[in-house]
Structures are given as C-alpha cells and as structure tokens.
Amino acid sequence: MNPVRAWVTLGLMSGTSMDGIDACLAHIRLTETSFEFDIIDTAAIPFEKGLRQAIGRCPAGTVEDVARLHFHLGAAYADAAQLFLEGRPVDFGGRRSTKGWAISSSNTRSSTTPALLKRPSWS
C-alpha cells in the first residue's frame, strides 16, 4: 500500500547517564492502516566535559544555574543536530530529555525523573 504521508525525521534525546545526545534519522510512513519506519542513521554525540559536569551539578544549583544550563543544553542539541545531519534535509525533528527540572513559582525545584536522584554513571 502506498503511503498517505511520509517524512524524514530527526530525533534527539539524552538520558540519565548524562553522557551525551543520541540522534536518529528515520524515514516514517503513515498509511491508512499502519505506521512504518526505516532507520537511516544513528549516532551518539558526547557532551563536552564542562557541560557534562554542569549537568551533574544541576541538582545542587540555583535557579540561575538551571536557566544557564538550559541555554547551554539547547545549544548542544543544535550543534549535535548540525553535526549529525551534515546538510541532509529533514521534514521535522524533535527532542526528549530525561534530565528536566520543574521550577515552581516559589523557586523550588523538583525532578521530573526519579533517576535524577541517583549519582550519574560517569562520576
């Protein structure tokens, strides 16, 4: 059956190991009755040492530290996407991070992932 819609997609994620960004380029096809995909390419892109250390310090940091880290993580994702794609076109992309923090109006933080309460595997 011919696809109803088809896309080339970029997926980026980082996990609780805090070691870097995993990238996946896939061709996704949606038909009237199914969802199919083929993996085009994958890569693991390590965080720079300073960023990895900042991620590890995040639970003990201030709201300002978390905001600064959020900015640097965004730049790391953008750099990883450019490095991984090497000019290849994509229809859309997405990212997932398991290292998020929720900041309440009272400036207190709570982990969005229980695994953040554990020591990172690289320490």
PDB file of N, CA and C in Angstrom:
ATOM      1  N   MET A   1       0.838  -1.173   0.000  1.00  0.00           N
ATOM      2  CA  MET A   1       0.000   0.000   0.000  1.00  0.00           C
ATOM      3  C   MET A   1       0.890   1.245   0.000  1.00  0.00           C
ATOM      4  N   ASN A   2       0.535   2.228  -0.775  1.00  0.00           N
ATOM      5  CA  ASN A   2       1.301   3.464  -0.864  1.00  0.00           C
ATOM      6  C   ASN A   2       1.091   4.318   0.388  1.00  0.00           C
ATOM      7  N   PRO A   3       2.137   5.021   0.798  1.00  0.00           N
ATOM      8  CA  PRO A   3       1.992   5.873   1.974  1.00  0.00           C
ATOM      9  C   PRO A   3       1.002   7.008   1.731  1.00  0.00           C
ATOM     10  N   VAL A   4       0.254   7.335   2.768  1.00  0.00           N
ATOM     11  CA  VAL A   4      -0.605   8.503   2.727  1.00  0.00           C
ATOM     12  C   VAL A   4       0.255   9.739   2.987  1.00  0.00           C
ATOM     13  N   ARG A   5       1.175   9.603   3.930  1.00  0.00           N
ATOM     14  CA  ARG A   5       2.125  10.664   4.261  1.00  0.00           C
ATOM     15  C   ARG A   5       3.467  10.009   4.532  1.00  0.00           C
ATOM     16  N   ALA A   6       4.550  10.733   4.239  1.00  0.00           N
ATOM     17  CA  ALA A   6       5.897  10.232   4.516  1.00  0.00           C
ATOM     18  C   ALA A   6       6.791  11.403   4.899  1.00  0.00           C
ATOM     19  N   TRP A   7       7.683  11.169   5.863  1.00  0.00           N
ATOM     20  CA  TRP A   7       8.580  12.205   6.342  1.00  0.00           C
ATOM     21  C   TRP A   7       9.958  11.613   6.630  1.00  0.00           C
ATOM     22  N   VAL A   8      10.972  12.454   6.508  1.00  0.00           N
ATOM     23  CA  VAL A   8      12.294  12.158   7.051  1.00  0.00           C
ATOM     24  C   VAL A   8      12.368  12.954   8.353  1.00  0.00           C
ATOM     25  N   THR A   9      12.626  12.257   9.455  1.00  0.00           N
ATOM     26  CA  THR A   9      12.577  12.882  10.773  1.00  0.00           C
ATOM     27  C   THR A   9      13.904  12.747  11.513  1.00  0.00           C
ATOM     28  N   LEU A  10      14.176  13.712  12.350  1.00  0.00           N
ATOM     29  CA  LEU A  10      15.348  13.692  13.218  1.00  0.00           C
ATOM     30  C   LEU A  10      14.864  13.613  14.653  1.00  0.00           C
ATOM     31  N   GLY A  11      15.352  12.631  15.392  1.00  0.00           N
ATOM     32  CA  GLY A  11      15.058  12.519  16.815  1.00  0.00           C
ATOM     33  C   GLY A  11      16.335  12.683  17.615  1.00  0.00           C
ATOM     34  N   LEU A  12      16.276  13.469  18.677  1.00  0.00           N
ATOM     35  CA  LEU A  12      17.417  13.689  19.560  1.00  0.00           C
ATOM     36  C   LEU A  12      16.969  13.441  20.993  1.00  0.00           C
ATOM     37  N   MET A  13      17.811  12.801  21.775  1.00  0.00           N
ATOM     38  CA  MET A  13      17.484  12.603  23.187  1.00  0.00           C
ATOM     39  C   MET A  13      18.749  12.453  24.009  1.00  0.00           C
ATOM     40  N   SER A  14      18.617  12.756  25.282  1.00  0.00           N
ATOM     41  CA  SER A  14      19.683  12.459  26.233  1.00  0.00           C
ATOM     42  C   SER A  14      19.043  11.703  27.379  1.00  0.00           C
ATOM     43  N   GLY A  15      19.824  10.877  28.006  1.00  0.00           N
ATOM     44  CA  GLY A  15      19.279  10.040  29.067  1.00  0.00           C
ATOM     45  C   GLY A  15      19.917  10.315  30.407  1.00  0.00           C
ATOM     46  N   THR A  16      19.596   9.480  31.367  1.00  0.00           N
ATOM     47  CA  THR A  16      20.075   9.691  32.726  1.00  0.00           C
ATOM     48  C   THR A  16      21.560   9.387  32.909  1.00  0.00           C
ATOM     49  N   SER A  17      22.204   8.803  31.908  1.00  0.00           N
ATOM     50  CA  SER A  17      23.650   8.571  32.017  1.00  0.00           C
ATOM     51  C   SER A  17      24.424   9.882  31.917  1.00  0.00           C
ATOM     52  N   MET A  18      23.797  10.924  31.401  1.00  0.00           N
ATOM     53  CA  MET A  18      24.392  12.256  31.277  1.00  0.00           C
ATOM     54  C   MET A  18      25.657  12.263  30.438  1.00  0.00           C
ATOM     55  N   ASP A  19      25.763  11.347  29.481  1.00  0.00           N
ATOM     56  CA  ASP A  19      26.993  11.264  28.699  1.00  0.00           C
ATOM     57  C   ASP A  19      26.915  11.982  27.358  1.00  0.00           C
ATOM     58  N   GLY A  20      25.719  12.243  26.842  1.00  0.00           N
ATOM     59  CA  GLY A  20      25.639  12.915  25.557  1.00  0.00           C
ATOM     60  C   GLY A  20      24.247  12.844  24.954  1.00  0.00           C
ATOM     61  N   ILE A  21      24.189  13.109  23.660  1.00  0.00           N
ATOM     62  CA  ILE A  21      22.943  13.156  22.908  1.00  0.00           C
ATOM     63  C   ILE A  21      22.925  12.010  21.907  1.00  0.00           C
ATOM     64  N   ASP A  22      21.834  11.261  21.893  1.00  0.00           N
ATOM     65  CA  ASP A  22      21.636  10.210  20.902  1.00  0.00           C
ATOM     66  C   ASP A  22      20.787  10.788  19.775  1.00  0.00           C
ATOM     67  N   ALA A  23      21.193  10.513  18.539  1.00  0.00           N
ATOM     68  CA  ALA A  23      20.496  11.037  17.368  1.00  0.00           C
ATOM     69  C   ALA A  23      20.034   9.887  16.482  1.00  0.00           C
ATOM     70  N   CYS A  24      18.877  10.070  15.862  1.00  0.00           N
ATOM     71  CA  CYS A  24      18.341   9.071  14.947  1.00  0.00           C
ATOM     72  C   CYS A  24      17.673   9.794  13.778  1.00  0.00           C
ATOM     73  N   LEU A  25      18.036   9.408  12.579  1.00  0.00           N
ATOM     74  CA  LEU A  25      17.395   9.905  11.361  1.00  0.00           C
ATOM     75  C   LEU A  25      16.575   8.748  10.811  1.00  0.00           C
ATOM     76  N   ALA A  26      15.290   8.992  10.609  1.00  0.00           N
ATOM     77  CA  ALA A  26      14.397   7.911  10.177  1.00  0.00           C
ATOM     78  C   ALA A  26      13.457   8.384   9.076  1.00  0.00           C
ATOM     79  N   HIS A  27      13.047   7.442   8.246  1.00  0.00           N
ATOM     80  CA  HIS A  27      12.010   7.679   7.241  1.00  0.00           C
ATOM     81  C   HIS A  27      10.728   7.061   7.793  1.00  0.00           C
ATOM     82  N   ILE A  28       9.714   7.889   8.001  1.00  0.00           N
ATOM     83  CA  ILE A  28       8.456   7.430   8.586  1.00  0.00           C
ATOM     84  C   ILE A  28       7.367   7.507   7.534  1.00  0.00           C
ATOM     85  N   ARG A  29       6.582   6.432   7.448  1.00  0.00           N
ATOM     86  CA  ARG A  29       5.470   6.371   6.502  1.00  0.00           C
ATOM     87  C   ARG A  29       4.188   6.058   7.253  1.00  0.00           C
ATOM     88  N   LEU A  30       3.178   6.822   6.968  1.00  0.00           N
ATOM     89  CA  LEU A  30       1.861   6.620   7.551  1.00  0.00           C
ATOM     90  C   LEU A  30       0.917   6.238   6.411  1.00  0.00           C
ATOM     91  N   THR A  31       0.336   5.045   6.503  1.00  0.00           N
ATOM     92  CA  THR A  31      -0.650   4.622   5.512  1.00  0.00           C
ATOM     93  C   THR A  31      -2.026   4.708   6.164  1.00  0.00           C
ATOM     94  N   GLU A  32      -3.017   4.272   5.445  1.00  0.00           N
ATOM     95  CA  GLU A  32      -4.374   4.294   6.013  1.00  0.00           C
ATOM     96  C   GLU A  32      -4.519   3.309   7.168  1.00  0.00           C
ATOM     97  N   THR A  33      -3.658   2.279   7.201  1.00  0.00           N
ATOM     98  CA  THR A  33      -3.813   1.231   8.218  1.00  0.00           C
ATOM     99  C   THR A  33      -2.572   0.969   9.067  1.00  0.00           C
ATOM    100  N   SER A  34      -1.454   1.645   8.787  1.00  0.00           N
ATOM    101  CA  SER A  34      -0.239   1.318   9.540  1.00  0.00           C
ATOM    102  C   SER A  34       0.701   2.517   9.650  1.00  0.00           C
ATOM    103  N   PHE A  35       1.676   2.337  10.519  1.00  0.00           N
ATOM    104  CA  PHE A  35       2.756   3.287  10.754  1.00  0.00           C
ATOM    105  C   PHE A  35       4.038   2.492  10.569  1.00  0.00           C
ATOM    106  N   GLU A  36       4.858   2.868   9.596  1.00  0.00           N
ATOM    107  CA  GLU A  36       6.085   2.134   9.297  1.00  0.00           C
ATOM    108  C   GLU A  36       7.260   3.097   9.328  1.00  0.00           C
ATOM    109  N   PHE A  37       8.442   2.557   9.631  1.00  0.00           N
ATOM    110  CA  PHE A  37       9.628   3.404   9.609  1.00  0.00           C
ATOM    111  C   PHE A  37      10.861   2.586   9.263  1.00  0.00           C
ATOM    112  N   ASP A  38      11.852   3.280   8.740  1.00  0.00           N
ATOM    113  CA  ASP A  38      13.178   2.724   8.486  1.00  0.00           C
ATOM    114  C   ASP A  38      14.196   3.668   9.107  1.00  0.00           C
ATOM    115  N   ILE A  39      15.144   3.103   9.841  1.00  0.00           N
ATOM    116  CA  ILE A  39      16.225   3.896  10.419  1.00  0.00           C
ATOM    117  C   ILE A  39      17.235   4.179   9.304  1.00  0.00           C
ATOM    118  N   ILE A  40      17.527   5.448   9.087  1.00  0.00           N
ATOM    119  CA  ILE A  40      18.503   5.854   8.076  1.00  0.00           C
ATOM    120  C   ILE A  40      19.901   5.899   8.681  1.00  0.00           C
ATOM    121  N   ASP A  41      20.007   6.463   9.895  1.00  0.00           N
ATOM    122  CA  ASP A  41      21.315   6.628  10.530  1.00  0.00           C
ATOM    123  C   ASP A  41      21.112   6.892  12.022  1.00  0.00           C
ATOM    124  N   THR A  42      22.098   6.539  12.825  1.00  0.00           N
ATOM    125  CA  THR A  42      22.088   6.833  14.258  1.00  0.00           C
ATOM    126  C   THR A  42      23.485   7.263  14.688  1.00  0.00           C
ATOM    127  N   ALA A  43      23.556   7.968  15.798  1.00  0.00           N
ATOM    128  CA  ALA A  43      24.853   8.364  16.351  1.00  0.00           C
ATOM    129  C   ALA A  43      24.692   8.707  17.828  1.00  0.00           C
ATOM    130  N   ALA A  44      25.780   8.581  18.567  1.00  0.00           N
ATOM    131  CA  ALA A  44      25.861   9.051  19.955  1.00  0.00           C
ATOM    132  C   ALA A  44      26.887  10.178  19.964  1.00  0.00           C
ATOM    133  N   ILE A  45      26.462  11.367  20.360  1.00  0.00           N
ATOM    134  CA  ILE A  45      27.316  12.551  20.348  1.00  0.00           C
ATOM    135  C   ILE A  45      27.595  12.938  21.801  1.00  0.00           C
ATOM    136  N   PRO A  46      28.835  12.773  22.259  1.00  0.00           N
ATOM    137  CA  PRO A  46      29.127  13.028  23.677  1.00  0.00           C
ATOM    138  C   PRO A  46      29.041  14.511  24.029  1.00  0.00           C
ATOM    139  N   PHE A  47      28.623  14.773  25.269  1.00  0.00           N
ATOM    140  CA  PHE A  47      28.672  16.140  25.784  1.00  0.00           C
ATOM    141  C   PHE A  47      30.125  16.528  26.003  1.00  0.00           C
ATOM    142  N   GLU A  48      30.417  17.812  25.849  1.00  0.00           N
ATOM    143  CA  GLU A  48      31.734  18.300  26.237  1.00  0.00           C
ATOM    144  C   GLU A  48      31.867  18.150  27.760  1.00  0.00           C
ATOM    145  N   LYS A  49      33.097  17.972  28.223  1.00  0.00           N
ATOM    146  CA  LYS A  49      33.340  17.701  29.642  1.00  0.00           C
ATOM    147  C   LYS A  49      32.717  18.758  30.552  1.00  0.00           C
ATOM    148  N   GLY A  50      32.876  20.037  30.217  1.00  0.00           N
ATOM    149  CA  GLY A  50      32.338  21.104  31.063  1.00  0.00           C
ATOM    150  C   GLY A  50      30.818  21.064  31.155  1.00  0.00           C
ATOM    151  N   LEU A  51      30.151  20.759  30.045  1.00  0.00           N
ATOM    152  CA  LEU A  51      28.695  20.669  30.065  1.00  0.00           C
ATOM    153  C   LEU A  51      28.252  19.456  30.881  1.00  0.00           C
ATOM    154  N   ARG A  52      28.929  18.352  30.700  1.00  0.00           N
ATOM    155  CA  ARG A  52      28.594  17.153  31.474  1.00  0.00           C
ATOM    156  C   ARG A  52      28.740  17.417  32.971  1.00  0.00           C
ATOM    157  N   GLN A  53      29.795  18.123  33.353  1.00  0.00           N
ATOM    158  CA  GLN A  53      29.984  18.457  34.763  1.00  0.00           C
ATOM    159  C   GLN A  53      28.886  19.392  35.261  1.00  0.00           C
ATOM    160  N   ALA A  54      28.476  20.353  34.437  1.00  0.00           N
ATOM    161  CA  ALA A  54      27.401  21.276  34.823  1.00  0.00           C
ATOM    162  C   ALA A  54      26.084  20.526  35.005  1.00  0.00           C
ATOM    163  N   ILE A  55      25.828  19.542  34.170  1.00  0.00           N
ATOM    164  CA  ILE A  55      24.614  18.726  34.309  1.00  0.00           C
ATOM    165  C   ILE A  55      24.645  17.984  35.647  1.00  0.00           C
ATOM    166  N   GLY A  56      25.801  17.433  35.984  1.00  0.00           N
ATOM    167  CA  GLY A  56      25.940  16.708  37.241  1.00  0.00           C
ATOM    168  C   GLY A  56      25.762  17.589  38.466  1.00  0.00           C
ATOM    169  N   ARG A  57      26.122  18.873  38.353  1.00  0.00           N
ATOM    170  CA  ARG A  57      25.970  19.812  39.475  1.00  0.00           C
ATOM    171  C   ARG A  57      24.565  20.387  39.562  1.00  0.00           C
ATOM    172  N   CYS A  58      23.763  20.234  38.544  1.00  0.00           N
ATOM    173  CA  CYS A  58      22.459  20.892  38.454  1.00  0.00           C
ATOM    174  C   CYS A  58      21.564  20.694  39.672  1.00  0.00           C
ATOM    175  N   PRO A  59      21.426  19.487  40.217  1.00  0.00           N
ATOM    176  CA  PRO A  59      20.524  19.339  41.369  1.00  0.00           C
ATOM    177  C   PRO A  59      20.899  20.214  42.563  1.00  0.00           C
ATOM    178  N   ALA A  60      22.154  20.611  42.682  1.00  0.00           N
ATOM    179  CA  ALA A  60      22.587  21.439  43.809  1.00  0.00           C
ATOM    180  C   ALA A  60      22.653  22.917  43.441  1.00  0.00           C
ATOM    181  N   GLY A  61      22.284  23.255  42.203  1.00  0.00           N
ATOM    182  CA  GLY A  61      22.430  24.627  41.730  1.00  0.00           C
ATOM    183  C   GLY A  61      21.257  25.523  42.061  1.00  0.00           C
ATOM    184  N   THR A  62      21.416  26.783  41.697  1.00  0.00           N
ATOM    185  CA  THR A  62      20.370  27.783  41.883  1.00  0.00           C
ATOM    186  C   THR A  62      19.463  27.808  40.658  1.00  0.00           C
ATOM    187  N   VAL A  63      18.391  28.548  40.737  1.00  0.00           N
ATOM    188  CA  VAL A  63      17.500  28.717  39.588  1.00  0.00           C
ATOM    189  C   VAL A  63      18.282  29.319  38.415  1.00  0.00           C
ATOM    190  N   GLU A  64      19.169  30.260  38.714  1.00  0.00           N
ATOM    191  CA  GLU A  64      20.012  30.858  37.676  1.00  0.00           C
ATOM    192  C   GLU A  64      20.896  29.803  37.021  1.00  0.00           C
ATOM    193  N   ASP A  65      21.462  28.885  37.813  1.00  0.00           N
ATOM    194  CA  ASP A  65      22.290  27.810  37.270  1.00  0.00           C
ATOM    195  C   ASP A  65      21.477  26.926  36.322  1.00  0.00           C
ATOM    196  N   VAL A  66      20.257  26.602  36.724  1.00  0.00           N
ATOM    197  CA  VAL A  66      19.394  25.757  35.903  1.00  0.00           C
ATOM    198  C   VAL A  66      19.056  26.466  34.594  1.00  0.00           C
ATOM    199  N   ALA A  67      18.758  27.758  34.659  1.00  0.00           N
ATOM    200  CA  ALA A  67      18.446  28.523  33.449  1.00  0.00           C
ATOM    201  C   ALA A  67      19.654  28.577  32.513  1.00  0.00           C
ATOM    202  N   ARG A  68      20.820  28.794  33.068  1.00  0.00           N
ATOM    203  CA  ARG A  68      22.041  28.834  32.258  1.00  0.00           C
ATOM    204  C   ARG A  68      22.288  27.468  31.609  1.00  0.00           C
ATOM    205  N   LEU A  69      22.111  26.408  32.382  1.00  0.00           N
ATOM    206  CA  LEU A  69      22.292  25.061  31.852  1.00  0.00           C
ATOM    207  C   LEU A  69      21.291  24.776  30.732  1.00  0.00           C
ATOM    208  N   HIS A  70      20.053  25.208  30.912  1.00  0.00           N
ATOM    209  CA  HIS A  70      19.030  25.023  29.884  1.00  0.00           C
ATOM    210  C   HIS A  70      19.473  25.671  28.572  1.00  0.00           C
ATOM    211  N   PHE A  71      20.025  26.863  28.646  1.00  0.00           N
ATOM    212  CA  PHE A  71      20.530  27.562  27.466  1.00  0.00           C
ATOM    213  C   PHE A  71      21.647  26.751  26.791  1.00  0.00           C
ATOM    214  N   HIS A  72      22.608  26.282  27.589  1.00  0.00           N
ATOM    215  CA  HIS A  72      23.744  25.542  27.032  1.00  0.00           C
ATOM    216  C   HIS A  72      23.317  24.177  26.472  1.00  0.00           C
ATOM    217  N   LEU A  73      22.341  23.540  27.101  1.00  0.00           N
ATOM    218  CA  LEU A  73      21.821  22.280  26.558  1.00  0.00           C
ATOM    219  C   LEU A  73      21.142  22.512  25.214  1.00  0.00           C
ATOM    220  N   GLY A  74      20.397  23.608  25.094  1.00  0.00           N
ATOM    221  CA  GLY A  74      19.776  23.940  23.813  1.00  0.00           C
ATOM    222  C   GLY A  74      20.811  24.105  22.718  1.00  0.00           C
ATOM    223  N   ALA A  75      21.899  24.792  23.042  1.00  0.00           N
ATOM    224  CA  ALA A  75      22.980  24.964  22.070  1.00  0.00           C
ATOM    225  C   ALA A  75      23.628  23.625  21.734  1.00  0.00           C
ATOM    226  N   ALA A  76      23.780  22.753  22.724  1.00  0.00           N
ATOM    227  CA  ALA A  76      24.373  21.429  22.478  1.00  0.00           C
ATOM    228  C   ALA A  76      23.481  20.601  21.548  1.00  0.00           C
ATOM    229  N   TYR A  77      22.162  20.671  21.744  1.00  0.00           N
ATOM    230  CA  TYR A  77      21.245  19.959  20.851  1.00  0.00           C
ATOM    231  C   TYR A  77      21.340  20.512  19.432  1.00  0.00           C
ATOM    232  N   ALA A  78      21.397  21.834  19.287  1.00  0.00           N
ATOM    233  CA  ALA A  78      21.504  22.438  17.958  1.00  0.00           C
ATOM    234  C   ALA A  78      22.808  22.015  17.276  1.00  0.00           C
ATOM    235  N   ASP A  79      23.913  22.058  18.030  1.00  0.00           N
ATOM    236  CA  ASP A  79      25.200  21.640  17.474  1.00  0.00           C
ATOM    237  C   ASP A  79      25.184  20.167  17.080  1.00  0.00           C
ATOM    238  N   ALA A  80      24.585  19.323  17.931  1.00  0.00           N
ATOM    239  CA  ALA A  80      24.514  17.890  17.639  1.00  0.00           C
ATOM    240  C   ALA A  80      23.705  17.640  16.369  1.00  0.00           C
ATOM    241  N   ALA A  81      22.589  18.357  16.208  1.00  0.00           N
ATOM    242  CA  ALA A  81      21.762  18.192  15.012  1.00  0.00           C
ATOM    243  C   ALA A  81      22.549  18.564  13.764  1.00  0.00           C
ATOM    244  N   GLN A  82      23.249  19.704  13.784  1.00  0.00           N
ATOM    245  CA  GLN A  82      24.035  20.119  12.626  1.00  0.00           C
ATOM    246  C   GLN A  82      25.145  19.125  12.316  1.00  0.00           C
ATOM    247  N   LEU A  83      25.860  18.688  13.333  1.00  0.00           N
ATOM    248  CA  LEU A  83      26.944  17.736  13.149  1.00  0.00           C
ATOM    249  C   LEU A  83      26.429  16.419  12.576  1.00  0.00           C
ATOM    250  N   PHE A  84      25.347  15.925  13.132  1.00  0.00           N
ATOM    251  CA  PHE A  84      24.792  14.636  12.719  1.00  0.00           C
ATOM    252  C   PHE A  84      24.203  14.695  11.306  1.00  0.00           C
ATOM    253  N   LEU A  85      23.476  15.750  11.002  1.00  0.00           N
ATOM    254  CA  LEU A  85      22.789  15.814   9.704  1.00  0.00           C
ATOM    255  C   LEU A  85      23.742  16.045   8.533  1.00  0.00           C
ATOM    256  N   GLU A  86      24.837  16.747   8.761  1.00  0.00           N
ATOM    257  CA  GLU A  86      25.805  17.036   7.701  1.00  0.00           C
ATOM    258  C   GLU A  86      25.114  17.535   6.434  1.00  0.00           C
ATOM    259  N   GLY A  87      24.133  18.431   6.595  1.00  0.00           N
ATOM    260  CA  GLY A  87      23.442  19.008   5.453  1.00  0.00           C
ATOM    261  C   GLY A  87      22.287  18.191   4.902  1.00  0.00           C
ATOM    262  N   ARG A  88      22.041  16.997   5.466  1.00  0.00           N
ATOM    263  CA  ARG A  88      20.916  16.186   4.981  1.00  0.00           C
ATOM    264  C   ARG A  88      19.605  16.873   5.356  1.00  0.00           C
ATOM    265  N   PRO A  89      18.650  16.900   4.428  1.00  0.00           N
ATOM    266  CA  PRO A  89      17.370  17.560   4.732  1.00  0.00           C
ATOM    267  C   PRO A  89      16.478  16.694   5.620  1.00  0.00           C
ATOM    268  N   VAL A  90      15.672  17.352   6.436  1.00  0.00           N
ATOM    269  CA  VAL A  90      14.672  16.672   7.263  1.00  0.00           C
ATOM    270  C   VAL A  90      13.358  17.427   7.151  1.00  0.00           C
ATOM    271  N   ASP A  91      12.263  16.711   7.364  1.00  0.00           N
ATOM    272  CA  ASP A  91      10.947  17.343   7.354  1.00  0.00           C
ATOM    273  C   ASP A  91      10.601  17.918   8.718  1.00  0.00           C
ATOM    274  N   PHE A  92      11.009  17.239   9.785  1.00  0.00           N
ATOM    275  CA  PHE A  92      10.826  17.768  11.136  1.00  0.00           C
ATOM    276  C   PHE A  92      11.707  17.005  12.101  1.00  0.00           C
ATOM    277  N   GLY A  93      11.849  17.557  13.284  1.00  0.00           N
ATOM    278  CA  GLY A  93      12.666  16.919  14.305  1.00  0.00           C
ATOM    279  C   GLY A  93      12.058  17.146  15.670  1.00  0.00           C
ATOM    280  N   GLY A  94      12.541  16.384  16.627  1.00  0.00           N
ATOM    281  CA  GLY A  94      12.068  16.510  17.997  1.00  0.00           C
ATOM    282  C   GLY A  94      13.161  16.099  18.952  1.00  0.00           C
ATOM    283  N   ARG A  95      12.991  16.468  20.200  1.00  0.00           N
ATOM    284  CA  ARG A  95      13.974  16.076  21.201  1.00  0.00           C
ATOM    285  C   ARG A  95      13.270  15.676  22.481  1.00  0.00           C
ATOM    286  N   ARG A  96      13.950  14.837  23.228  1.00  0.00           N
ATOM    287  CA  ARG A  96      13.450  14.403  24.529  1.00  0.00           C
ATOM    288  C   ARG A  96      14.639  14.377  25.464  1.00  0.00           C
ATOM    289  N   SER A  97      14.434  14.904  26.651  1.00  0.00           N
ATOM    290  CA  SER A  97      15.489  14.884  27.653  1.00  0.00           C
ATOM    291  C   SER A  97      14.904  14.370  28.955  1.00  0.00           C
ATOM    292  N   THR A  98      15.579  13.443  29.569  1.00  0.00           N
ATOM    293  CA  THR A  98      15.102  12.910  30.842  1.00  0.00           C
ATOM    294  C   THR A  98      15.749  13.623  32.020  1.00  0.00           C
ATOM    295  N   LYS A  99      16.422  14.735  31.750  1.00  0.00           N
ATOM    296  CA  LYS A  99      17.098  15.467  32.817  1.00  0.00           C
ATOM    297  C   LYS A  99      16.389  16.769  33.132  1.00  0.00           C
ATOM    298  N   GLY A 100      15.090  16.853  32.906  1.00  0.00           N
ATOM    299  CA  GLY A 100      14.360  18.093  33.118  1.00  0.00           C
ATOM    300  C   GLY A 100      14.093  18.377  34.577  1.00  0.00           C
ATOM    301  N   TRP A 101      13.895  19.625  34.882  1.00  0.00           N
ATOM    302  CA  TRP A 101      13.529  20.052  36.220  1.00  0.00           C
ATOM    303  C   TRP A 101      12.303  20.931  36.112  1.00  0.00           C
ATOM    304  N   ALA A 102      11.397  20.796  37.037  1.00  0.00           N
ATOM    305  CA  ALA A 102      10.239  21.688  37.112  1.00  0.00           C
ATOM    306  C   ALA A 102      10.543  22.739  38.163  1.00  0.00           C
ATOM    307  N   ILE A 103      10.374  23.999  37.815  1.00  0.00           N
ATOM    308  CA  ILE A 103      10.642  25.085  38.754  1.00  0.00           C
ATOM    309  C   ILE A 103       9.308  25.734  39.092  1.00  0.00           C
ATOM    310  N   SER A 104       8.951  25.736  40.362  1.00  0.00           N
ATOM    311  CA  SER A 104       7.670  26.293  40.786  1.00  0.00           C
ATOM    312  C   SER A 104       7.799  27.797  41.008  1.00  0.00           C
ATOM    313  N   SER A 105       6.673  28.449  41.234  1.00  0.00           N
ATOM    314  CA  SER A 105       6.686  29.890  41.483  1.00  0.00           C
ATOM    315  C   SER A 105       7.406  30.239  42.784  1.00  0.00           C
ATOM    316  N   SER A 106       7.591  29.273  43.669  1.00  0.00           N
ATOM    317  CA  SER A 106       8.311  29.537  44.919  1.00  0.00           C
ATOM    318  C   SER A 106       9.807  29.278  44.773  1.00  0.00           C
ATOM    319  N   ASN A 107      10.280  29.134  43.520  1.00  0.00           N
ATOM    320  CA  ASN A 107      11.695  28.908  43.219  1.00  0.00           C
ATOM    321  C   ASN A 107      12.242  27.613  43.806  1.00  0.00           C
ATOM    322  N   THR A 108      11.378  26.645  44.028  1.00  0.00           N
ATOM    323  CA  THR A 108      11.851  25.330  44.438  1.00  0.00           C
ATOM    324  C   THR A 108      11.825  24.430  43.216  1.00  0.00           C
ATOM    325  N   ARG A 109      12.692  23.419  43.224  1.00  0.00           N
ATOM    326  CA  ARG A 109      12.787  22.525  42.076  1.00  0.00           C
ATOM    327  C   ARG A 109      12.374  21.126  42.466  1.00  0.00           C
ATOM    328  N   SER A 110      11.797  20.428  41.507  1.00  0.00           N
ATOM    329  CA  SER A 110      11.529  19.007  41.716  1.00  0.00           C
ATOM    330  C   SER A 110      11.916  18.278  40.439  1.00  0.00           C
ATOM    331  N   SER A 111      12.518  17.129  40.594  1.00  0.00           N
ATOM    332  CA  SER A 111      12.957  16.348  39.446  1.00  0.00           C
ATOM    333  C   SER A 111      11.753  15.790  38.707  1.00  0.00           C
ATOM    334  N   THR A 112      11.813  15.831  37.376  1.00  0.00           N
ATOM    335  CA  THR A 112      10.760  15.232  36.579  1.00  0.00           C
ATOM    336  C   THR A 112      11.044  13.764  36.314  1.00  0.00           C
ATOM    337  N   THR A 113      12.185  13.277  36.771  1.00  0.00           N
ATOM    338  CA  THR A 113      12.568  11.885  36.579  1.00  0.00           C
ATOM    339  C   THR A 113      13.213  11.368  37.852  1.00  0.00           C
ATOM    340  N   PRO A 114      12.674  10.311  38.464  1.00  0.00           N
ATOM    341  CA  PRO A 114      13.278   9.801  39.699  1.00  0.00           C
ATOM    342  C   PRO A 114      14.748   9.441  39.558  1.00  0.00           C
ATOM    343  N   ALA A 115      15.181   9.024  38.364  1.00  0.00           N
ATOM    344  CA  ALA A 115      16.574   8.614  38.177  1.00  0.00           C
ATOM    345  C   ALA A 115      17.543   9.769  38.427  1.00  0.00           C
ATOM    346  N   LEU A 116      17.068  11.008  38.402  1.00  0.00           N
ATOM    347  CA  LEU A 116      17.951  12.132  38.643  1.00  0.00           C
ATOM    348  C   LEU A 116      18.460  12.160  40.078  1.00  0.00           C
ATOM    349  N   LEU A 117      17.800  11.440  40.951  1.00  0.00           N
ATOM    350  CA  LEU A 117      18.228  11.423  42.335  1.00  0.00           C
ATOM    351  C   LEU A 117      19.396  10.476  42.554  1.00  0.00           C
ATOM    352  N   LYS A 118      19.740   9.709  41.550  1.00  0.00           N
ATOM    353  CA  LYS A 118      20.875   8.792  41.630  1.00  0.00           C
ATOM    354  C   LYS A 118      22.144   9.494  41.129  1.00  0.00           C
ATOM    355  N   ARG A 119      23.280   9.005  41.536  1.00  0.00           N
ATOM    356  CA  ARG A 119      24.542   9.529  41.030  1.00  0.00           C
ATOM    357  C   ARG A 119      24.698   9.136  39.566  1.00  0.00           C
ATOM    358  N   PRO A 120      25.174  10.047  38.725  1.00  0.00           N
ATOM    359  CA  PRO A 120      25.374   9.704  37.332  1.00  0.00           C
ATOM    360  C   PRO A 120      26.414   8.599  37.162  1.00  0.00           C
ATOM    361  N   SER A 121      26.279   7.826  36.103  1.00  0.00           N
ATOM    362  CA  SER A 121      27.165   6.680  35.886  1.00  0.00           C
ATOM    363  C   SER A 121      28.606   7.073  35.624  1.00  0.00           C
ATOM    364  N   TRP A 122      28.860   8.297  35.180  1.00  0.00           N
ATOM    365  CA  TRP A 122      30.221   8.702  34.851  1.00  0.00           C
ATOM    366  C   TRP A 122      30.979   9.286  36.035  1.00  0.00           C
ATOM    367  N   SER A 123      30.319   9.484  37.184  1.00  0.00           N
ATOM    368  CA  SER A 123      31.024  10.101  38.316  1.00  0.00           C
ATOM    369  C   SER A 123      31.740   9.065  39.156  1.00  0.00           C
TER     370      SER A 123
END
